[in-house]
PDB file of N, CA and C in Angstrom:
ATOM      1  N   MET A   1       3.309  37.672  25.186  1.00  0.00           N
ATOM      2  CA  MET A   1       2.091  38.024  25.860  1.00  0.00           C
ATOM      3  C   MET A   1       1.070  36.919  25.610  1.00  0.00           C
ATOM      4  N   GLN A   2       0.362  36.573  26.652  1.00  0.00           N
ATOM      5  CA  GLN A   2      -0.695  35.562  26.567  1.00  0.00           C
ATOM      6  C   GLN A   2      -2.030  36.265  26.775  1.00  0.00           C
ATOM      7  N   LEU A   3      -2.962  36.079  25.864  1.00  0.00           N
ATOM      8  CA  LEU A   3      -4.273  36.690  26.011  1.00  0.00           C
ATOM      9  C   LEU A   3      -5.090  35.924  27.027  1.00  0.00           C
ATOM     10  N   GLY A   4      -5.903  36.652  27.740  1.00  0.00           N
ATOM     11  CA  GLY A   4      -6.721  36.046  28.770  1.00  0.00           C
ATOM     12  C   GLY A   4      -8.192  36.139  28.435  1.00  0.00           C
ATOM     13  N   THR A   5      -8.916  36.947  29.216  1.00  0.00           N
ATOM     14  CA  THR A   5     -10.364  37.014  29.095  1.00  0.00           C
ATOM     15  C   THR A   5     -10.842  38.433  29.349  1.00  0.00           C
ATOM     16  N   ARG A   6     -12.115  38.689  29.042  1.00  0.00           N
ATOM     17  CA  ARG A   6     -12.725  39.999  29.277  1.00  0.00           C
ATOM     18  C   ARG A   6     -13.959  39.841  30.158  1.00  0.00           C
ATOM     19  N   TRP A   7     -14.241  40.893  30.927  1.00  0.00           N
ATOM     20  CA  TRP A   7     -15.463  40.933  31.717  1.00  0.00           C
ATOM     21  C   TRP A   7     -15.830  42.390  31.983  1.00  0.00           C
ATOM     22  N   ALA A   8     -17.096  42.640  32.264  1.00  0.00           N
ATOM     23  CA  ALA A   8     -17.612  43.991  32.483  1.00  0.00           C
ATOM     24  C   ALA A   8     -17.344  44.451  33.911  1.00  0.00           C
ATOM     25  N   THR A   9     -17.195  45.764  34.073  1.00  0.00           N
ATOM     26  CA  THR A   9     -17.070  46.311  35.421  1.00  0.00           C
ATOM     27  C   THR A   9     -18.340  45.968  36.192  1.00  0.00           C
ATOM     28  N   GLY A  10     -18.185  45.739  37.473  1.00  0.00           N
ATOM     29  CA  GLY A  10     -19.316  45.379  38.315  1.00  0.00           C
ATOM     30  C   GLY A  10     -19.602  43.894  38.363  1.00  0.00           C
ATOM     31  N   ALA A  11     -19.072  43.153  37.410  1.00  0.00           N
ATOM     32  CA  ALA A  11     -19.261  41.698  37.396  1.00  0.00           C
ATOM     33  C   ALA A  11     -18.135  41.040  38.194  1.00  0.00           C
ATOM     34  N   LYS A  12     -18.411  39.849  38.676  1.00  0.00           N
ATOM     35  CA  LYS A  12     -17.379  39.097  39.380  1.00  0.00           C
ATOM     36  C   LYS A  12     -16.286  38.709  38.379  1.00  0.00           C
ATOM     37  N   PRO A  13     -15.010  38.958  38.727  1.00  0.00           N
ATOM     38  CA  PRO A  13     -13.938  38.557  37.806  1.00  0.00           C
ATOM     39  C   PRO A  13     -13.961  37.046  37.558  1.00  0.00           C
ATOM     40  N   PRO A  14     -13.638  36.631  36.348  1.00  0.00           N
ATOM     41  CA  PRO A  14     -13.577  35.199  36.042  1.00  0.00           C
ATOM     42  C   PRO A  14     -12.555  34.484  36.933  1.00  0.00           C
ATOM     43  N   THR A  15     -12.689  33.179  37.037  1.00  0.00           N
ATOM     44  CA  THR A  15     -11.779  32.403  37.887  1.00  0.00           C
ATOM     45  C   THR A  15     -10.333  32.475  37.411  1.00  0.00           C
ATOM     46  N   SER A  16     -10.110  32.844  36.161  1.00  0.00           N
ATOM     47  CA  SER A  16      -8.736  32.957  35.653  1.00  0.00           C
ATOM     48  C   SER A  16      -8.011  34.198  36.165  1.00  0.00           C
ATOM     49  N   VAL A  17      -8.750  35.133  36.774  1.00  0.00           N
ATOM     50  CA  VAL A  17      -8.127  36.337  37.339  1.00  0.00           C
ATOM     51  C   VAL A  17      -7.587  35.983  38.722  1.00  0.00           C
ATOM     52  N   PRO A  18      -6.279  36.142  38.947  1.00  0.00           N
ATOM     53  CA  PRO A  18      -5.710  35.795  40.248  1.00  0.00           C
ATOM     54  C   PRO A  18      -6.384  36.558  41.394  1.00  0.00           C
ATOM     55  N   ALA A  19      -6.643  35.862  42.479  1.00  0.00           N
ATOM     56  CA  ALA A  19      -7.327  36.453  43.632  1.00  0.00           C
ATOM     57  C   ALA A  19      -6.588  37.669  44.178  1.00  0.00           C
ATOM     58  N   GLU A  20      -5.273  37.708  44.034  1.00  0.00           N
ATOM     59  CA  GLU A  20      -4.491  38.844  44.534  1.00  0.00           C
ATOM     60  C   GLU A  20      -4.913  40.164  43.881  1.00  0.00           C
ATOM     61  N   LEU A  21      -5.437  40.099  42.673  1.00  0.00           N
ATOM     62  CA  LEU A  21      -5.827  41.315  41.955  1.00  0.00           C
ATOM     63  C   LEU A  21      -7.228  41.806  42.315  1.00  0.00           C
ATOM     64  N   HIS A  22      -8.061  40.945  42.862  1.00  0.00           N
ATOM     65  CA  HIS A  22      -9.462  41.288  43.104  1.00  0.00           C
ATOM     66  C   HIS A  22      -9.653  42.541  43.947  1.00  0.00           C
ATOM     67  N   PRO A  23      -8.974  42.711  45.106  1.00  0.00           N
ATOM     68  CA  PRO A  23      -9.194  43.929  45.899  1.00  0.00           C
ATOM     69  C   PRO A  23      -8.856  45.209  45.133  1.00  0.00           C
ATOM     70  N   ALA A  24      -7.780  45.205  44.373  1.00  0.00           N
ATOM     71  CA  ALA A  24      -7.395  46.399  43.615  1.00  0.00           C
ATOM     72  C   ALA A  24      -8.393  46.675  42.493  1.00  0.00           C
ATOM     73  N   ILE A  25      -8.903  45.636  41.862  1.00  0.00           N
ATOM     74  CA  ILE A  25      -9.930  45.816  40.825  1.00  0.00           C
ATOM     75  C   ILE A  25     -11.170  46.460  41.436  1.00  0.00           C
ATOM     76  N   THR A  26     -11.567  45.994  42.612  1.00  0.00           N
ATOM     77  CA  THR A  26     -12.721  46.562  43.312  1.00  0.00           C
ATOM     78  C   THR A  26     -12.485  48.029  43.640  1.00  0.00           C
ATOM     79  N   GLU A  27     -11.274  48.373  44.080  1.00  0.00           N
ATOM     80  CA  GLU A  27     -10.946  49.770  44.399  1.00  0.00           C
ATOM     81  C   GLU A  27     -11.031  50.657  43.161  1.00  0.00           C
ATOM     82  N   VAL A  28     -10.532  50.185  42.039  1.00  0.00           N
ATOM     83  CA  VAL A  28     -10.604  50.969  40.797  1.00  0.00           C
ATOM     84  C   VAL A  28     -12.065  51.170  40.401  1.00  0.00           C
ATOM     85  N   GLU A  29     -12.861  50.128  40.473  1.00  0.00           N
ATOM     86  CA  GLU A  29     -14.269  50.236  40.096  1.00  0.00           C
ATOM     87  C   GLU A  29     -15.029  51.168  41.031  1.00  0.00           C
ATOM     88  N   ALA A  30     -14.590  51.289  42.295  1.00  0.00           N
ATOM     89  CA  ALA A  30     -15.240  52.175  43.259  1.00  0.00           C
ATOM     90  C   ALA A  30     -15.112  53.644  42.857  1.00  0.00           C
ATOM     91  N   ARG A  31     -14.230  53.949  41.920  1.00  0.00           N
ATOM     92  CA  ARG A  31     -14.085  55.317  41.410  1.00  0.00           C
ATOM     93  C   ARG A  31     -15.223  55.680  40.457  1.00  0.00           C
ATOM     94  N   GLY A  32     -16.118  54.740  40.211  1.00  0.00           N
ATOM     95  CA  GLY A  32     -17.255  54.986  39.341  1.00  0.00           C
ATOM     96  C   GLY A  32     -16.965  54.765  37.866  1.00  0.00           C
ATOM     97  N   LEU A  33     -15.836  54.139  37.577  1.00  0.00           N
ATOM     98  CA  LEU A  33     -15.463  53.880  36.189  1.00  0.00           C
ATOM     99  C   LEU A  33     -16.268  52.707  35.639  1.00  0.00           C
ATOM    100  N   THR A  34     -16.579  52.774  34.367  1.00  0.00           N
ATOM    101  CA  THR A  34     -17.305  51.688  33.718  1.00  0.00           C
ATOM    102  C   THR A  34     -16.533  51.231  32.490  1.00  0.00           C
ATOM    103  N   GLY A  35     -16.917  50.107  31.981  1.00  0.00           N
ATOM    104  CA  GLY A  35     -16.268  49.561  30.793  1.00  0.00           C
ATOM    105  C   GLY A  35     -16.016  48.083  30.961  1.00  0.00           C
ATOM    106  N   HIS A  36     -14.976  47.620  30.313  1.00  0.00           N
ATOM    107  CA  HIS A  36     -14.615  46.200  30.353  1.00  0.00           C
ATOM    108  C   HIS A  36     -13.149  46.028  30.732  1.00  0.00           C
ATOM    109  N   TRP A  37     -12.911  45.000  31.510  1.00  0.00           N
ATOM    110  CA  TRP A  37     -11.556  44.595  31.873  1.00  0.00           C
ATOM    111  C   TRP A  37     -11.071  43.561  30.865  1.00  0.00           C
ATOM    112  N   THR A  38      -9.771  43.571  30.617  1.00  0.00           N
ATOM    113  CA  THR A  38      -9.129  42.541  29.808  1.00  0.00           C
ATOM    114  C   THR A  38      -7.957  41.995  30.604  1.00  0.00           C
ATOM    115  N   LEU A  39      -7.931  40.698  30.804  1.00  0.00           N
ATOM    116  CA  LEU A  39      -6.821  40.051  31.495  1.00  0.00           C
ATOM    117  C   LEU A  39      -5.834  39.541  30.463  1.00  0.00           C
ATOM    118  N   THR A  40      -4.574  39.931  30.605  1.00  0.00           N
ATOM    119  CA  THR A  40      -3.499  39.405  29.771  1.00  0.00           C
ATOM    120  C   THR A  40      -2.367  38.980  30.691  1.00  0.00           C
ATOM    121  N   TRP A  41      -1.405  38.319  30.130  1.00  0.00           N
ATOM    122  CA  TRP A  41      -0.245  37.854  30.887  1.00  0.00           C
ATOM    123  C   TRP A  41       1.011  38.306  30.151  1.00  0.00           C
ATOM    124  N   LEU A  42       1.918  38.945  30.867  1.00  0.00           N
ATOM    125  CA  LEU A  42       3.176  39.391  30.290  1.00  0.00           C
ATOM    126  C   LEU A  42       4.305  38.871  31.165  1.00  0.00           C
ATOM    127  N   GLU A  43       5.197  38.117  30.579  1.00  0.00           N
ATOM    128  CA  GLU A  43       6.317  37.507  31.309  1.00  0.00           C
ATOM    129  C   GLU A  43       5.818  36.708  32.507  1.00  0.00           C
ATOM    130  N   GLY A  44       4.676  36.040  32.323  1.00  0.00           N
ATOM    131  CA  GLY A  44       4.123  35.184  33.360  1.00  0.00           C
ATOM    132  C   GLY A  44       3.361  35.900  34.457  1.00  0.00           C
ATOM    133  N   ARG A  45       3.213  37.228  34.339  1.00  0.00           N
ATOM    134  CA  ARG A  45       2.502  37.993  35.370  1.00  0.00           C
ATOM    135  C   ARG A  45       1.195  38.554  34.807  1.00  0.00           C
ATOM    136  N   PRO A  46       0.133  38.544  35.631  1.00  0.00           N
ATOM    137  CA  PRO A  46      -1.165  39.018  35.156  1.00  0.00           C
ATOM    138  C   PRO A  46      -1.251  40.541  35.109  1.00  0.00           C
ATOM    139  N   ILE A  47      -1.973  41.022  34.103  1.00  0.00           N
ATOM    140  CA  ILE A  47      -2.278  42.445  33.980  1.00  0.00           C
ATOM    141  C   ILE A  47      -3.753  42.546  33.614  1.00  0.00           C
ATOM    142  N   ALA A  48      -4.527  43.225  34.456  1.00  0.00           N
ATOM    143  CA  ALA A  48      -5.933  43.487  34.155  1.00  0.00           C
ATOM    144  C   ALA A  48      -6.028  44.944  33.716  1.00  0.00           C
ATOM    145  N   GLU A  49      -6.480  45.164  32.495  1.00  0.00           N
ATOM    146  CA  GLU A  49      -6.580  46.515  31.945  1.00  0.00           C
ATOM    147  C   GLU A  49      -8.047  46.888  31.761  1.00  0.00           C
ATOM    148  N   LEU A  50      -8.406  48.028  32.328  1.00  0.00           N
ATOM    149  CA  LEU A  50      -9.758  48.557  32.171  1.00  0.00           C
ATOM    150  C   LEU A  50      -9.742  49.544  31.018  1.00  0.00           C
ATOM    151  N   ASP A  51     -10.655  49.394  30.078  1.00  0.00           N
ATOM    152  CA  ASP A  51     -10.623  50.267  28.907  1.00  0.00           C
ATOM    153  C   ASP A  51     -10.936  51.725  29.228  1.00  0.00           C
ATOM    154  N   ALA A  52     -11.269  52.023  30.479  1.00  0.00           N
ATOM    155  CA  ALA A  52     -11.457  53.407  30.917  1.00  0.00           C
ATOM    156  C   ALA A  52     -10.130  54.053  31.301  1.00  0.00           C
ATOM    157  N   GLY A  53      -9.012  53.314  31.136  1.00  0.00           N
ATOM    158  CA  GLY A  53      -7.706  53.926  31.343  1.00  0.00           C
ATOM    159  C   GLY A  53      -6.936  53.503  32.577  1.00  0.00           C
ATOM    160  N   TRP A  54      -7.281  52.376  33.175  1.00  0.00           N
ATOM    161  CA  TRP A  54      -6.568  51.897  34.365  1.00  0.00           C
ATOM    162  C   TRP A  54      -6.026  50.496  34.129  1.00  0.00           C
ATOM    163  N   GLU A  55      -4.997  50.156  34.887  1.00  0.00           N
ATOM    164  CA  GLU A  55      -4.468  48.799  34.878  1.00  0.00           C
ATOM    165  C   GLU A  55      -4.168  48.362  36.301  1.00  0.00           C
ATOM    166  N   VAL A  56      -4.354  47.078  36.545  1.00  0.00           N
ATOM    167  CA  VAL A  56      -4.023  46.441  37.819  1.00  0.00           C
ATOM    168  C   VAL A  56      -3.083  45.308  37.463  1.00  0.00           C
ATOM    169  N   LEU A  57      -1.914  45.307  38.086  1.00  0.00           N
ATOM    170  CA  LEU A  57      -0.917  44.305  37.715  1.00  0.00           C
ATOM    171  C   LEU A  57      -0.181  43.780  38.932  1.00  0.00           C
ATOM    172  N   LEU A  58       0.470  42.659  38.732  1.00  0.00           N
ATOM    173  CA  LEU A  58       1.302  42.040  39.753  1.00  0.00           C
ATOM    174  C   LEU A  58       2.745  42.271  39.332  1.00  0.00           C
ATOM    175  N   SER A  59       3.503  42.994  40.171  1.00  0.00           N
ATOM    176  CA  SER A  59       4.886  43.320  39.825  1.00  0.00           C
ATOM    177  C   SER A  59       5.786  42.097  39.989  1.00  0.00           C
ATOM    178  N   SER A  60       7.016  42.235  39.554  1.00  0.00           N
ATOM    179  CA  SER A  60       7.976  41.128  39.670  1.00  0.00           C
ATOM    180  C   SER A  60       8.294  40.797  41.122  1.00  0.00           C
ATOM    181  N   THR A  61       8.012  41.742  42.040  1.00  0.00           N
ATOM    182  CA  THR A  61       8.249  41.498  43.467  1.00  0.00           C
ATOM    183  C   THR A  61       7.004  40.984  44.182  1.00  0.00           C
ATOM    184  N   GLY A  62       5.897  40.823  43.432  1.00  0.00           N
ATOM    185  CA  GLY A  62       4.668  40.315  44.026  1.00  0.00           C
ATOM    186  C   GLY A  62       3.723  41.387  44.525  1.00  0.00           C
ATOM    187  N   GLU A  63       4.070  42.651  44.308  1.00  0.00           N
ATOM    188  CA  GLU A  63       3.220  43.760  44.735  1.00  0.00           C
ATOM    189  C   GLU A  63       2.099  43.978  43.717  1.00  0.00           C
ATOM    190  N   VAL A  64       0.888  44.214  44.212  1.00  0.00           N
ATOM    191  CA  VAL A  64      -0.232  44.545  43.335  1.00  0.00           C
ATOM    192  C   VAL A  64      -0.256  46.057  43.164  1.00  0.00           C
ATOM    193  N   ILE A  65      -0.282  46.494  41.905  1.00  0.00           N
ATOM    194  CA  ILE A  65      -0.242  47.920  41.582  1.00  0.00           C
ATOM    195  C   ILE A  65      -1.470  48.262  40.754  1.00  0.00           C
ATOM    196  N   ALA A  66      -2.180  49.319  41.155  1.00  0.00           N
ATOM    197  CA  ALA A  66      -3.296  49.862  40.377  1.00  0.00           C
ATOM    198  C   ALA A  66      -2.900  51.273  39.982  1.00  0.00           C
ATOM    199  N   ARG A  67      -2.967  51.562  38.670  1.00  0.00           N
ATOM    200  CA  ARG A  67      -2.528  52.883  38.204  1.00  0.00           C
ATOM    201  C   ARG A  67      -3.185  53.208  36.866  1.00  0.00           C
ATOM    202  N   PRO A  68      -3.255  54.519  36.569  1.00  0.00           N
ATOM    203  CA  PRO A  68      -3.715  54.899  35.228  1.00  0.00           C
ATOM    204  C   PRO A  68      -2.696  54.423  34.199  1.00  0.00           C
ATOM    205  N   PHE A  69      -3.165  54.191  32.978  1.00  0.00           N
ATOM    206  CA  PHE A  69      -2.249  53.800  31.903  1.00  0.00           C
ATOM    207  C   PHE A  69      -1.179  54.857  31.731  1.00  0.00           C
ATOM    208  N   GLU A  70       0.013  54.413  31.423  1.00  0.00           N
ATOM    209  CA  GLU A  70       1.102  55.315  31.084  1.00  0.00           C
ATOM    210  C   GLU A  70       1.369  55.171  29.597  1.00  0.00           C
ATOM    211  N   ASP A  71       1.267  56.284  28.873  1.00  0.00           N
ATOM    212  CA  ASP A  71       1.529  56.234  27.430  1.00  0.00           C
ATOM    213  C   ASP A  71       3.006  56.288  27.148  1.00  0.00           C
TER     214      ASP A  71
END
């Protein structure tokens, strides 16, 4: 896992966040959730995790997925 960066909800994602994730991040934030996002990389793919319990990731097939955390 490669650590990335953090930013607050409502702020523009840093340039290190892949553009493919931006629309899904905006959709999650539209639910009224607040907190901070953390960008990490797992097996070369980005994962943006919102500490309010959501993640936005790029699957191995290139699909962007937004979902609540799975324990």
